Amino acid sequence: MRYQVNALLPCLTFFVAGRVMSGLLVLLMQASLVLWPLAIRMAHQLNESSAIDRILNELSAAYKVPAESHHLARKRFRTLDGAAQPSFGASAGRLRPAA
């Protein structure tokens, strides 16, 4: 049922979630039929994100540990040798001087 609402009225998903400005933007996207699929995708991502946050909150309450939201979690990238290194930090993006 929720997917059908996303497909027919994506702006309604944002208004129900309390995101008025995003809802107005999606409403404008709906007005142009070309951007309607993008509006549907944005509404689906909002539902997906809220479902993940709800599950994380339930798990953190069950195990009594704080859970970091999935979209705020630090991302890690793998190097060619297989070691994980953070994407942001003190050494990220800096060039080392030649010895």
C-alpha atoms as a PDB file:
ATOM      1  CA  MET A   1       0.000   0.000   0.000  1.00  0.00           C
ATOM      2  CA  ARG A   2       2.798   2.397   0.910  1.00  0.00           C
ATOM      3  CA  TYR A   3       4.499   1.757  -2.437  1.00  0.00           C
ATOM      4  CA  GLN A   4       1.289   2.647  -4.291  1.00  0.00           C
ATOM      5  CA  VAL A   5       1.057   5.946  -2.410  1.00  0.00           C
ATOM      6  CA  ASN A   6       4.682   6.653  -3.315  1.00  0.00           C
ATOM      7  CA  ALA A   7       3.972   6.026  -6.975  1.00  0.00           C
ATOM      8  CA  LEU A   8       0.750   8.032  -7.209  1.00  0.00           C
ATOM      9  CA  LEU A   9       1.390  10.919  -4.791  1.00  0.00           C
ATOM     10  CA  PRO A  10       5.039  11.147  -3.763  1.00  0.00           C
ATOM     11  CA  CYS A  11       4.487  14.589  -2.227  1.00  0.00           C
ATOM     12  CA  LEU A  12       2.038  13.081   0.282  1.00  0.00           C
ATOM     13  CA  THR A  13       4.858  10.970   1.731  1.00  0.00           C
ATOM     14  CA  PHE A  14       6.902  14.074   2.513  1.00  0.00           C
ATOM     15  CA  PHE A  15       3.949  15.999   3.945  1.00  0.00           C
ATOM     16  CA  VAL A  16       3.086  13.104   6.286  1.00  0.00           C
ATOM     17  CA  ALA A  17       6.729  12.920   7.405  1.00  0.00           C
ATOM     18  CA  GLY A  18       6.640  16.643   8.273  1.00  0.00           C
ATOM     19  CA  ARG A  19       9.001  17.786   5.517  1.00  0.00           C
ATOM     20  CA  VAL A  20       6.970  20.595   4.020  1.00  0.00           C
ATOM     21  CA  MET A  21       9.671  22.197   1.860  1.00  0.00           C
ATOM     22  CA  SER A  22      10.694  18.835   0.408  1.00  0.00           C
ATOM     23  CA  GLY A  23       7.023  18.086  -0.174  1.00  0.00           C
ATOM     24  CA  LEU A  24       6.599  21.305  -2.131  1.00  0.00           C
ATOM     25  CA  LEU A  25       9.691  20.541  -4.195  1.00  0.00           C
ATOM     26  CA  VAL A  26       8.385  17.063  -4.978  1.00  0.00           C
ATOM     27  CA  LEU A  27       4.979  18.548  -5.823  1.00  0.00           C
ATOM     28  CA  LEU A  28       6.678  20.768  -8.407  1.00  0.00           C
ATOM     29  CA  MET A  29       8.514  17.728  -9.727  1.00  0.00           C
ATOM     30  CA  GLN A  30       5.182  15.932 -10.047  1.00  0.00           C
ATOM     31  CA  ALA A  31       3.777  18.842 -12.032  1.00  0.00           C
ATOM     32  CA  SER A  32       6.329  18.130 -14.725  1.00  0.00           C
ATOM     33  CA  LEU A  33       5.777  14.579 -15.854  1.00  0.00           C
ATOM     34  CA  VAL A  34       9.443  14.267 -16.789  1.00  0.00           C
ATOM     35  CA  LEU A  35      10.612  14.513 -13.161  1.00  0.00           C
ATOM     36  CA  TRP A  36       7.832  12.321 -11.719  1.00  0.00           C
ATOM     37  CA  PRO A  37      10.038   9.158 -11.577  1.00  0.00           C
ATOM     38  CA  LEU A  38      12.664  11.087  -9.635  1.00  0.00           C
ATOM     39  CA  ALA A  39       9.990  12.226  -7.164  1.00  0.00           C
ATOM     40  CA  ILE A  40       8.879   8.606  -6.739  1.00  0.00           C
ATOM     41  CA  ARG A  41      12.464   7.562  -6.037  1.00  0.00           C
ATOM     42  CA  MET A  42      12.907  10.317  -3.448  1.00  0.00           C
ATOM     43  CA  ALA A  43       9.708   9.246  -1.650  1.00  0.00           C
ATOM     44  CA  HIS A  44      10.854   5.618  -1.679  1.00  0.00           C
ATOM     45  CA  GLN A  45      14.231   6.592  -0.202  1.00  0.00           C
ATOM     46  CA  LEU A  46      12.485   8.536   2.566  1.00  0.00           C
ATOM     47  CA  ASN A  47      10.367   5.505   3.491  1.00  0.00           C
ATOM     48  CA  GLU A  48      13.400   3.234   3.322  1.00  0.00           C
ATOM     49  CA  SER A  49      15.485   5.553   5.513  1.00  0.00           C
ATOM     50  CA  SER A  50      12.760   5.875   8.149  1.00  0.00           C
ATOM     51  CA  ALA A  51      12.324   2.088   8.235  1.00  0.00           C
ATOM     52  CA  ILE A  52      16.061   1.576   8.772  1.00  0.00           C
ATOM     53  CA  ASP A  53      16.099   4.201  11.535  1.00  0.00           C
ATOM     54  CA  ARG A  54      13.123   2.520  13.217  1.00  0.00           C
ATOM     55  CA  ILE A  55      14.859  -0.868  13.154  1.00  0.00           C
ATOM     56  CA  LEU A  56      18.091   0.628  14.519  1.00  0.00           C
ATOM     57  CA  ASN A  57      16.183   2.293  17.363  1.00  0.00           C
ATOM     58  CA  GLU A  58      14.455  -0.985  18.242  1.00  0.00           C
ATOM     59  CA  LEU A  59      17.780  -2.842  18.260  1.00  0.00           C
ATOM     60  CA  SER A  60      19.503  -0.198  20.349  1.00  0.00           C
ATOM     61  CA  ALA A  61      16.643  -0.287  22.870  1.00  0.00           C
ATOM     62  CA  ALA A  62      16.749  -4.096  23.021  1.00  0.00           C
ATOM     63  CA  TYR A  63      20.518  -4.277  23.550  1.00  0.00           C
ATOM     64  CA  LYS A  64      20.732  -1.028  25.558  1.00  0.00           C
ATOM     65  CA  VAL A  65      23.470   0.482  23.398  1.00  0.00           C
ATOM     66  CA  PRO A  66      23.284   3.707  21.397  1.00  0.00           C
ATOM     67  CA  ALA A  67      22.958   3.200  17.667  1.00  0.00           C
ATOM     68  CA  GLU A  68      24.319   5.638  15.137  1.00  0.00           C
ATOM     69  CA  SER A  69      21.973   6.441  12.300  1.00  0.00           C
ATOM     70  CA  HIS A  70      22.880   4.632   9.084  1.00  0.00           C
ATOM     71  CA  HIS A  71      23.316   7.803   7.039  1.00  0.00           C
ATOM     72  CA  LEU A  72      25.631   9.344   9.648  1.00  0.00           C
ATOM     73  CA  ALA A  73      27.885   6.307   9.981  1.00  0.00           C
ATOM     74  CA  ARG A  74      31.434   6.729   8.728  1.00  0.00           C
ATOM     75  CA  LYS A  75      32.116   5.019   5.447  1.00  0.00           C
ATOM     76  CA  ARG A  76      35.252   2.932   4.957  1.00  0.00           C
ATOM     77  CA  PHE A  77      36.956   2.195   1.674  1.00  0.00           C
ATOM     78  CA  ARG A  78      39.284  -0.648   0.808  1.00  0.00           C
ATOM     79  CA  THR A  79      42.730  -0.070  -0.634  1.00  0.00           C
ATOM     80  CA  LEU A  80      44.382  -2.310  -3.184  1.00  0.00           C
ATOM     81  CA  ASP A  81      46.107  -4.340  -0.449  1.00  0.00           C
ATOM     82  CA  GLY A  82      42.732  -5.060   1.201  1.00  0.00           C
ATOM     83  CA  ALA A  83      43.199  -2.894   4.288  1.00  0.00           C
ATOM     84  CA  ALA A  84      40.287  -0.676   5.234  1.00  0.00           C
ATOM     85  CA  GLN A  85      40.966   2.974   5.713  1.00  0.00           C
ATOM     86  CA  PRO A  86      38.576   5.772   6.706  1.00  0.00           C
ATOM     87  CA  SER A  87      37.340   8.117   4.050  1.00  0.00           C
ATOM     88  CA  PHE A  88      37.647  11.176   6.277  1.00  0.00           C
ATOM     89  CA  GLY A  89      40.267  11.894   8.862  1.00  0.00           C
ATOM     90  CA  ALA A  90      43.604  13.465   9.579  1.00  0.00           C
ATOM     91  CA  SER A  91      45.505  11.671   6.830  1.00  0.00           C
ATOM     92  CA  ALA A  92      42.778  11.485   4.195  1.00  0.00           C
ATOM     93  CA  GLY A  93      43.519  13.484   1.089  1.00  0.00           C
ATOM     94  CA  ARG A  94      46.964  14.655   2.105  1.00  0.00           C
ATOM     95  CA  LEU A  95      50.037  14.035   0.041  1.00  0.00           C
ATOM     96  CA  ARG A  96      53.149  12.971   1.858  1.00  0.00           C
ATOM     97  CA  PRO A  97      56.343  14.849   1.014  1.00  0.00           C
ATOM     98  CA  ALA A  98      59.060  12.877  -0.722  1.00  0.00           C
ATOM     99  CA  ALA A  99      61.826  11.757   1.652  1.00  0.00           C
END
